[in-house]
Amino acid sequence: MDPASIVDAIADHADVDPGPPPAVSAETLDRPPLVAALLETVGDVDRRLGRASGGTFTLGVLVPLALALWAVRDITRGPLRSMPWSTALWYAHGLFRDYNLSRRD
């Protein structure tokens, strides 16, 4: 199964229009199909967000900012609780980044 098929299946299931398929980069050609689909889709969203905001906001800015605001909100709400979903998401992001993305020089 190729990355475009995975994105199409998810879009069909969610009943949304996936838009034009993102260009396949050389970076994702040797990746497993699911990882390649995720990298291409998120990369496309990141590029569109950057263009729409004039380069001010990208996912690299918004995701950490959203997680930091979530953490501040949790801290100010009262006694500390067990690990919130945002922490689990952050750990998942770190693991995905460390084990699936190529190293940049």
N, C-alpha and C. Protein backbone atom coordinates (compact mmCIF):
# COMPACT_ATOMS: atom_id res chain seq x y z
N MET A 1 0.85 -1.17 0.00
CA MET A 1 0.00 0.00 0.00
C MET A 1 0.90 1.24 0.00
N ASP A 2 0.59 2.18 -0.87
CA ASP A 2 1.40 3.39 -0.97
C ASP A 2 0.82 4.51 -0.08
N PRO A 3 1.62 5.55 0.21
CA PRO A 3 1.17 6.64 1.09
C PRO A 3 -0.12 7.30 0.64
N ALA A 4 -0.31 7.50 -0.67
CA ALA A 4 -1.52 8.15 -1.17
C ALA A 4 -2.75 7.30 -0.86
N SER A 5 -2.63 5.99 -0.95
CA SER A 5 -3.75 5.10 -0.63
C SER A 5 -4.12 5.19 0.85
N ILE A 6 -3.12 5.31 1.70
CA ILE A 6 -3.38 5.42 3.14
C ILE A 6 -4.11 6.72 3.44
N VAL A 7 -3.65 7.82 2.86
CA VAL A 7 -4.30 9.11 3.08
C VAL A 7 -5.72 9.07 2.54
N ASP A 8 -5.92 8.48 1.36
CA ASP A 8 -7.27 8.39 0.79
C ASP A 8 -8.20 7.56 1.66
N ALA A 9 -7.70 6.45 2.22
CA ALA A 9 -8.53 5.61 3.08
C ALA A 9 -8.94 6.36 4.34
N ILE A 10 -8.02 7.10 4.93
CA ILE A 10 -8.34 7.88 6.13
C ILE A 10 -9.34 8.97 5.80
N ALA A 11 -9.15 9.65 4.67
CA ALA A 11 -10.07 10.71 4.26
C ALA A 11 -11.47 10.15 3.98
N ASP A 12 -11.55 8.98 3.34
CA ASP A 12 -12.85 8.35 3.09
C ASP A 12 -13.54 7.99 4.40
N HIS A 13 -12.78 7.45 5.33
CA HIS A 13 -13.34 7.06 6.63
C HIS A 13 -13.84 8.29 7.40
N ALA A 14 -13.10 9.39 7.32
CA ALA A 14 -13.47 10.61 8.05
C ALA A 14 -14.46 11.47 7.26
N ASP A 15 -14.77 11.06 6.04
CA ASP A 15 -15.71 11.78 5.17
C ASP A 15 -15.25 13.22 4.93
N VAL A 16 -13.98 13.37 4.57
CA VAL A 16 -13.41 14.68 4.24
C VAL A 16 -12.69 14.58 2.90
N ASP A 17 -12.47 15.73 2.29
CA ASP A 17 -11.73 15.80 1.04
C ASP A 17 -10.25 15.94 1.36
N PRO A 18 -9.42 14.99 0.94
CA PRO A 18 -8.00 15.07 1.29
C PRO A 18 -7.25 16.16 0.55
N GLY A 19 -7.84 16.75 -0.49
CA GLY A 19 -7.15 17.76 -1.26
C GLY A 19 -6.17 17.10 -2.21
N PRO A 20 -5.37 17.90 -2.89
CA PRO A 20 -4.42 17.32 -3.84
C PRO A 20 -3.35 16.54 -3.10
N PRO A 21 -2.89 15.45 -3.69
CA PRO A 21 -1.86 14.67 -3.00
C PRO A 21 -0.56 15.45 -2.89
N PRO A 22 0.11 15.35 -1.75
CA PRO A 22 1.38 16.06 -1.61
C PRO A 22 2.45 15.42 -2.49
N ALA A 23 3.41 16.21 -2.87
CA ALA A 23 4.52 15.69 -3.68
C ALA A 23 5.35 14.73 -2.85
N VAL A 24 5.75 13.64 -3.45
CA VAL A 24 6.56 12.65 -2.74
C VAL A 24 8.00 13.11 -2.78
N SER A 25 8.60 13.24 -1.61
CA SER A 25 9.98 13.69 -1.54
C SER A 25 10.92 12.49 -1.48
N ALA A 26 12.16 12.74 -1.80
CA ALA A 26 13.17 11.68 -1.74
C ALA A 26 13.35 11.19 -0.31
N GLU A 27 13.08 12.06 0.66
CA GLU A 27 13.25 11.72 2.07
C GLU A 27 12.31 10.59 2.51
N THR A 28 11.14 10.49 1.89
CA THR A 28 10.16 9.50 2.32
C THR A 28 10.11 8.26 1.46
N LEU A 29 10.88 8.21 0.39
CA LEU A 29 10.81 7.06 -0.51
C LEU A 29 11.22 5.76 0.15
N ASP A 30 12.18 5.79 1.06
CA ASP A 30 12.65 4.55 1.69
C ASP A 30 11.98 4.29 3.03
N ARG A 31 10.92 5.02 3.36
CA ARG A 31 10.20 4.85 4.62
C ARG A 31 9.06 3.85 4.46
N PRO A 32 8.63 3.24 5.58
CA PRO A 32 7.42 2.41 5.51
C PRO A 32 6.24 3.27 5.04
N PRO A 33 5.26 2.68 4.35
CA PRO A 33 4.17 3.47 3.76
C PRO A 33 3.42 4.36 4.75
N LEU A 34 3.13 3.87 5.94
CA LEU A 34 2.39 4.68 6.91
C LEU A 34 3.21 5.89 7.35
N VAL A 35 4.50 5.68 7.59
CA VAL A 35 5.38 6.78 7.99
C VAL A 35 5.50 7.78 6.85
N ALA A 36 5.65 7.30 5.62
CA ALA A 36 5.76 8.19 4.47
C ALA A 36 4.48 9.01 4.30
N ALA A 37 3.32 8.37 4.45
CA ALA A 37 2.05 9.10 4.33
C ALA A 37 1.93 10.17 5.41
N LEU A 38 2.31 9.83 6.62
CA LEU A 38 2.25 10.79 7.72
C LEU A 38 3.21 11.95 7.48
N LEU A 39 4.43 11.66 7.09
CA LEU A 39 5.42 12.71 6.83
C LEU A 39 4.98 13.63 5.70
N GLU A 40 4.48 13.06 4.61
CA GLU A 40 4.06 13.87 3.47
C GLU A 40 2.85 14.73 3.83
N THR A 41 1.88 14.17 4.53
CA THR A 41 0.66 14.91 4.87
C THR A 41 0.96 16.03 5.86
N VAL A 42 1.69 15.71 6.91
CA VAL A 42 2.02 16.73 7.91
C VAL A 42 2.92 17.79 7.30
N GLY A 43 3.85 17.38 6.45
CA GLY A 43 4.71 18.35 5.76
C GLY A 43 3.91 19.30 4.88
N ASP A 44 2.89 18.76 4.20
CA ASP A 44 2.04 19.60 3.37
C ASP A 44 1.24 20.58 4.22
N VAL A 45 0.69 20.10 5.33
CA VAL A 45 -0.05 20.99 6.25
C VAL A 45 0.88 22.08 6.77
N ASP A 46 2.10 21.71 7.13
CA ASP A 46 3.08 22.67 7.64
C ASP A 46 3.40 23.75 6.60
N ARG A 47 3.59 23.33 5.35
CA ARG A 47 3.88 24.30 4.28
C ARG A 47 2.70 25.25 4.06
N ARG A 48 1.48 24.70 4.02
CA ARG A 48 0.30 25.55 3.81
C ARG A 48 0.10 26.52 4.96
N LEU A 49 0.32 26.06 6.18
CA LEU A 49 0.20 26.93 7.35
C LEU A 49 1.24 28.04 7.31
N GLY A 50 2.46 27.71 6.93
CA GLY A 50 3.51 28.71 6.80
C GLY A 50 3.18 29.76 5.75
N ARG A 51 2.66 29.31 4.60
CA ARG A 51 2.28 30.26 3.55
C ARG A 51 1.12 31.15 4.00
N ALA A 52 0.13 30.56 4.64
CA ALA A 52 -1.05 31.32 5.08
C ALA A 52 -0.71 32.36 6.13
N SER A 53 0.29 32.08 6.96
CA SER A 53 0.66 33.01 8.03
C SER A 53 1.85 33.89 7.66
N GLY A 54 2.28 33.84 6.44
CA GLY A 54 3.42 34.63 6.02
C GLY A 54 4.72 34.17 6.65
N GLY A 55 4.80 32.89 7.01
CA GLY A 55 6.00 32.33 7.61
C GLY A 55 6.07 32.50 9.11
N THR A 56 5.06 33.13 9.72
CA THR A 56 5.08 33.36 11.17
C THR A 56 4.82 32.08 11.94
N PHE A 57 3.84 31.30 11.49
CA PHE A 57 3.47 30.09 12.21
C PHE A 57 3.70 28.86 11.35
N THR A 58 4.30 27.86 11.94
CA THR A 58 4.42 26.54 11.34
C THR A 58 4.04 25.54 12.42
N LEU A 59 3.93 24.30 12.06
CA LEU A 59 3.62 23.28 13.07
C LEU A 59 4.73 23.19 14.11
N GLY A 60 5.95 23.48 13.70
CA GLY A 60 7.07 23.47 14.63
C GLY A 60 6.95 24.54 15.71
N VAL A 61 6.16 25.58 15.46
CA VAL A 61 5.90 26.63 16.45
C VAL A 61 4.60 26.35 17.18
N LEU A 62 3.55 26.01 16.44
CA LEU A 62 2.22 25.88 17.04
C LEU A 62 2.07 24.66 17.95
N VAL A 63 2.63 23.52 17.58
CA VAL A 63 2.47 22.33 18.41
C VAL A 63 3.14 22.50 19.77
N PRO A 64 4.41 22.92 19.84
CA PRO A 64 5.00 23.14 21.17
C PRO A 64 4.28 24.24 21.95
N LEU A 65 3.85 25.30 21.26
CA LEU A 65 3.12 26.37 21.94
C LEU A 65 1.81 25.85 22.53
N ALA A 66 1.07 25.08 21.78
CA ALA A 66 -0.18 24.51 22.28
C ALA A 66 0.07 23.59 23.47
N LEU A 67 1.11 22.77 23.40
CA LEU A 67 1.42 21.87 24.52
C LEU A 67 1.87 22.65 25.75
N ALA A 68 2.63 23.73 25.55
CA ALA A 68 3.06 24.56 26.69
C ALA A 68 1.85 25.24 27.33
N LEU A 69 0.93 25.76 26.52
CA LEU A 69 -0.27 26.39 27.08
C LEU A 69 -1.13 25.37 27.82
N TRP A 70 -1.23 24.17 27.29
CA TRP A 70 -1.97 23.10 27.97
C TRP A 70 -1.33 22.80 29.33
N ALA A 71 -0.01 22.74 29.37
CA ALA A 71 0.69 22.46 30.62
C ALA A 71 0.47 23.57 31.64
N VAL A 72 0.55 24.82 31.20
CA VAL A 72 0.31 25.95 32.11
C VAL A 72 -1.11 25.90 32.64
N ARG A 73 -2.07 25.60 31.77
CA ARG A 73 -3.46 25.49 32.20
C ARG A 73 -3.63 24.39 33.25
N ASP A 74 -3.00 23.25 33.03
CA ASP A 74 -3.09 22.15 34.00
C ASP A 74 -2.47 22.53 35.33
N ILE A 75 -1.34 23.23 35.29
CA ILE A 75 -0.66 23.61 36.53
C ILE A 75 -1.50 24.60 37.32
N THR A 76 -2.15 25.53 36.63
CA THR A 76 -2.93 26.56 37.32
C THR A 76 -4.30 26.08 37.77
N ARG A 77 -4.74 24.92 37.35
CA ARG A 77 -6.06 24.42 37.71
C ARG A 77 -6.10 23.79 39.09
N GLY A 78 -5.00 23.54 39.69
CA GLY A 78 -5.05 22.96 41.04
C GLY A 78 -4.06 21.83 41.20
N PRO A 79 -4.40 20.89 42.09
CA PRO A 79 -3.45 19.81 42.40
C PRO A 79 -3.07 19.01 41.15
N LEU A 80 -1.84 18.58 41.16
CA LEU A 80 -1.35 17.82 40.02
C LEU A 80 -2.04 16.46 39.97
N ARG A 81 -2.29 16.02 38.75
CA ARG A 81 -2.98 14.75 38.53
C ARG A 81 -2.03 13.80 37.81
N SER A 82 -2.58 12.67 37.41
CA SER A 82 -1.78 11.74 36.62
C SER A 82 -1.46 12.36 35.27
N MET A 83 -0.64 11.70 34.50
CA MET A 83 -0.16 12.25 33.24
C MET A 83 -1.34 12.58 32.30
N PRO A 84 -1.43 13.83 31.86
CA PRO A 84 -2.51 14.21 30.93
C PRO A 84 -2.20 13.71 29.52
N TRP A 85 -3.21 13.78 28.68
CA TRP A 85 -3.05 13.31 27.30
C TRP A 85 -1.96 14.08 26.58
N SER A 86 -1.77 15.35 26.94
CA SER A 86 -0.78 16.16 26.23
C SER A 86 0.64 15.64 26.47
N THR A 87 0.89 15.14 27.66
CA THR A 87 2.20 14.56 27.94
C THR A 87 2.40 13.29 27.14
N ALA A 88 1.37 12.49 27.08
CA ALA A 88 1.45 11.26 26.29
C ALA A 88 1.68 11.60 24.82
N LEU A 89 1.00 12.65 24.34
CA LEU A 89 1.18 13.08 22.96
C LEU A 89 2.61 13.56 22.73
N TRP A 90 3.14 14.30 23.69
CA TRP A 90 4.51 14.80 23.56
C TRP A 90 5.52 13.65 23.52
N TYR A 91 5.31 12.65 24.38
CA TYR A 91 6.19 11.48 24.35
C TYR A 91 6.07 10.75 23.01
N ALA A 92 4.85 10.62 22.50
CA ALA A 92 4.65 9.96 21.21
C ALA A 92 5.38 10.73 20.10
N HIS A 93 5.27 12.06 20.15
CA HIS A 93 5.97 12.89 19.16
C HIS A 93 7.48 12.66 19.23
N GLY A 94 8.01 12.67 20.45
CA GLY A 94 9.45 12.48 20.62
C GLY A 94 9.92 11.13 20.11
N LEU A 95 9.15 10.10 20.41
CA LEU A 95 9.52 8.77 19.93
C LEU A 95 9.45 8.68 18.42
N PHE A 96 8.39 9.26 17.84
CA PHE A 96 8.28 9.24 16.38
C PHE A 96 9.43 10.00 15.75
N ARG A 97 9.72 11.19 16.28
CA ARG A 97 10.79 12.01 15.74
C ARG A 97 12.14 11.29 15.85
N ASP A 98 12.41 10.70 17.00
CA ASP A 98 13.71 10.08 17.22
C ASP A 98 13.92 8.81 16.39
N TYR A 99 12.85 8.07 16.14
CA TYR A 99 13.02 6.78 15.48
C TYR A 99 12.57 6.73 14.03
N ASN A 100 11.92 7.79 13.53
CA ASN A 100 11.43 7.71 12.15
C ASN A 100 11.91 8.82 11.26
N LEU A 101 12.25 9.97 11.80
CA LEU A 101 12.68 11.08 10.95
C LEU A 101 14.18 11.01 10.74
N SER A 102 14.60 11.42 9.57
CA SER A 102 16.03 11.38 9.28
C SER A 102 16.76 12.47 10.06
N ARG A 103 18.00 12.25 10.31
CA ARG A 103 18.83 13.23 11.02
C ARG A 103 19.14 14.37 10.08
N ARG A 104 19.05 15.60 10.59
CA ARG A 104 19.39 16.77 9.78
C ARG A 104 20.75 17.29 10.21
N ASP A 105 21.53 17.67 9.24
CA ASP A 105 22.89 18.18 9.56
C ASP A 105 22.82 19.59 10.06
